[in-house]
Amino acid sequence: MLGPKKDVSFKKKEHLKSRKIIASLFTEGKSKVIFPYRIIWRTCELPHSLPVQFAFSVSTRNFPLAVKRNQIKRQMREVYRVNKSPLQDIIQRSDKQLAVMIVFISKKEVPFELMRSKMIHSIRYLSKIHESS
């Protein structure tokens, strides 16, 4: 018999939408570049009782076509959705709430496999930081 199923969805409540929190991420948050991403995070009070809320961004300057920007964001969300559980578990155990924004900083498209491996690396990085604190 299989164990309990992990939730591999990315529900609307998990999306970081609050303009106040996003603004505070850029003013008071910590950041790290793991190319092709810049990860910006901050421990703060979130509107929902979730451990983590995520937002994804792609620059209009680097990708003027909305179709391409949306494709990149869709790929980023998909990789996060599948690999988010370790980070959520660690944050939940520490009784904190984390707001995270991932900005795609590459000026050119990158292969999906590179996006995937770097997103996993980013999630592990955030997990490691918050596991020790």
Protein backbone atom coordinates (compact mmCIF):
# COMPACT_ATOMS: atom_id res chain seq x y z
CA MET A 1 0.00 0.00 0.00
CA LEU A 2 1.22 3.49 -0.85
CA GLY A 3 1.75 6.21 1.72
CA PRO A 4 -0.22 9.45 1.86
CA LYS A 5 -0.18 11.44 -1.36
CA LYS A 6 1.78 14.67 -1.36
CA ASP A 7 -0.10 17.74 -2.52
CA VAL A 8 1.48 18.68 -5.83
CA SER A 9 -0.90 21.47 -6.74
CA PHE A 10 -0.21 25.19 -6.79
CA LYS A 11 -3.44 26.60 -5.46
CA LYS A 12 -4.53 30.21 -5.72
CA LYS A 13 -3.88 30.79 -1.99
CA GLU A 14 -0.23 29.86 -2.55
CA HIS A 15 0.24 32.67 -5.09
CA LEU A 16 1.85 35.77 -3.65
CA LYS A 17 -0.34 38.67 -4.81
CA SER A 18 -0.23 41.24 -2.02
CA ARG A 19 1.34 44.44 -3.33
CA LYS A 20 2.43 45.38 0.21
CA ILE A 21 4.28 42.11 0.73
CA ILE A 22 5.86 42.22 -2.74
CA ALA A 23 7.04 45.79 -2.12
CA SER A 24 8.47 44.75 1.25
CA LEU A 25 10.31 41.88 -0.44
CA PHE A 26 12.22 44.37 -2.58
CA THR A 27 12.94 46.78 0.28
CA GLU A 28 13.57 44.44 3.23
CA GLY A 29 13.98 40.99 1.69
CA LYS A 30 17.13 38.97 1.18
CA SER A 31 18.17 37.85 -2.28
CA LYS A 32 20.45 35.42 -4.03
CA VAL A 33 21.21 34.89 -7.70
CA ILE A 34 21.17 31.32 -8.93
CA PHE A 35 21.29 31.91 -12.67
CA PRO A 36 18.85 32.19 -14.48
CA TYR A 37 16.91 33.23 -11.35
CA ARG A 38 17.10 35.88 -8.66
CA ILE A 39 15.37 34.60 -5.54
CA ILE A 40 14.02 37.22 -3.15
CA TRP A 41 12.55 36.05 0.15
CA ARG A 42 11.39 37.38 3.48
CA THR A 43 9.89 35.88 6.59
CA CYS A 44 6.66 37.76 7.27
CA GLU A 45 3.01 37.45 8.21
CA LEU A 46 1.02 36.18 5.23
CA PRO A 47 -2.73 36.72 4.69
CA HIS A 48 -3.46 32.98 4.63
CA SER A 49 -2.26 30.38 7.11
CA LEU A 50 0.12 28.84 4.57
CA PRO A 51 3.82 28.27 5.18
CA VAL A 52 4.96 29.71 1.81
CA GLN A 53 3.60 32.00 -0.88
CA PHE A 54 5.39 32.30 -4.22
CA ALA A 55 5.39 34.78 -7.10
CA PHE A 56 7.15 34.49 -10.44
CA SER A 57 8.27 37.32 -12.70
CA VAL A 58 9.80 37.70 -16.16
CA SER A 59 11.04 41.06 -17.43
CA THR A 60 9.17 42.74 -20.29
CA ARG A 61 12.44 44.37 -21.34
CA ASN A 62 14.13 41.01 -21.91
CA PHE A 63 11.06 39.27 -23.36
CA PRO A 64 8.79 41.80 -25.10
CA LEU A 65 6.36 39.15 -26.35
CA ALA A 66 3.76 38.22 -23.72
CA VAL A 67 3.52 34.71 -25.15
CA LYS A 68 7.19 34.05 -24.36
CA ARG A 69 6.97 35.62 -20.87
CA ASN A 70 3.92 33.55 -20.01
CA GLN A 71 5.57 30.38 -21.29
CA ILE A 72 8.62 30.95 -19.08
CA LYS A 73 6.43 31.68 -16.01
CA ARG A 74 4.36 28.58 -16.71
CA GLN A 75 7.52 26.45 -16.80
CA MET A 76 8.80 28.03 -13.58
CA ARG A 77 5.49 27.39 -11.79
CA GLU A 78 5.41 23.79 -13.00
CA VAL A 79 8.88 22.99 -11.67
CA TYR A 80 8.05 24.68 -8.35
CA ARG A 81 4.71 22.84 -8.08
CA VAL A 82 6.37 19.43 -8.43
CA ASN A 83 9.30 20.16 -6.07
CA LYS A 84 7.84 22.43 -3.37
CA SER A 85 7.10 19.93 -0.59
CA PRO A 86 10.53 19.87 1.17
CA LEU A 87 10.53 23.66 1.54
CA GLN A 88 6.94 23.75 2.76
CA ASP A 89 7.60 21.03 5.31
CA ILE A 90 10.63 22.85 6.76
CA ILE A 91 8.86 26.21 6.97
CA GLN A 92 5.78 24.62 8.53
CA ARG A 93 7.88 22.89 11.20
CA SER A 94 9.59 26.18 12.10
CA ASP A 95 6.21 27.92 12.58
CA LYS A 96 7.14 30.73 10.20
CA GLN A 97 5.66 32.09 7.01
CA LEU A 98 7.78 32.85 3.98
CA ALA A 99 7.11 35.11 0.99
CA VAL A 100 9.25 34.32 -2.06
CA MET A 101 9.57 35.93 -5.47
CA ILE A 102 11.56 34.34 -8.24
CA VAL A 103 12.62 36.65 -11.05
CA PHE A 104 13.87 35.21 -14.33
CA ILE A 105 16.97 37.32 -15.08
CA SER A 106 18.36 35.68 -18.20
CA LYS A 107 18.19 37.83 -21.34
CA LYS A 108 17.73 34.76 -23.54
CA GLU A 109 15.69 31.60 -23.34
CA VAL A 110 17.31 28.74 -21.49
CA PRO A 111 16.59 25.02 -21.91
CA PHE A 112 13.85 23.65 -19.68
CA GLU A 113 16.23 21.15 -18.09
CA LEU A 114 18.49 23.99 -16.90
CA MET A 115 15.46 25.88 -15.56
CA ARG A 116 14.37 22.73 -13.76
CA SER A 117 17.73 21.98 -12.16
CA LYS A 118 18.28 25.59 -11.04
CA MET A 119 14.75 25.85 -9.58
CA ILE A 120 15.36 22.67 -7.59
CA HIS A 121 18.70 24.11 -6.47
CA SER A 122 16.94 27.34 -5.42
CA ILE A 123 14.29 25.46 -3.42
CA ARG A 124 16.99 23.42 -1.69
CA TYR A 125 18.92 26.61 -0.93
CA LEU A 126 15.87 28.20 0.73
CA SER A 127 15.19 24.95 2.61
CA LYS A 128 18.77 24.79 3.91
CA ILE A 129 18.72 28.42 5.08
CA HIS A 130 15.46 28.05 6.97
CA GLU A 131 16.26 24.62 8.35
CA SER A 132 19.22 25.98 10.28
CA SER A 133 17.43 29.09 11.60
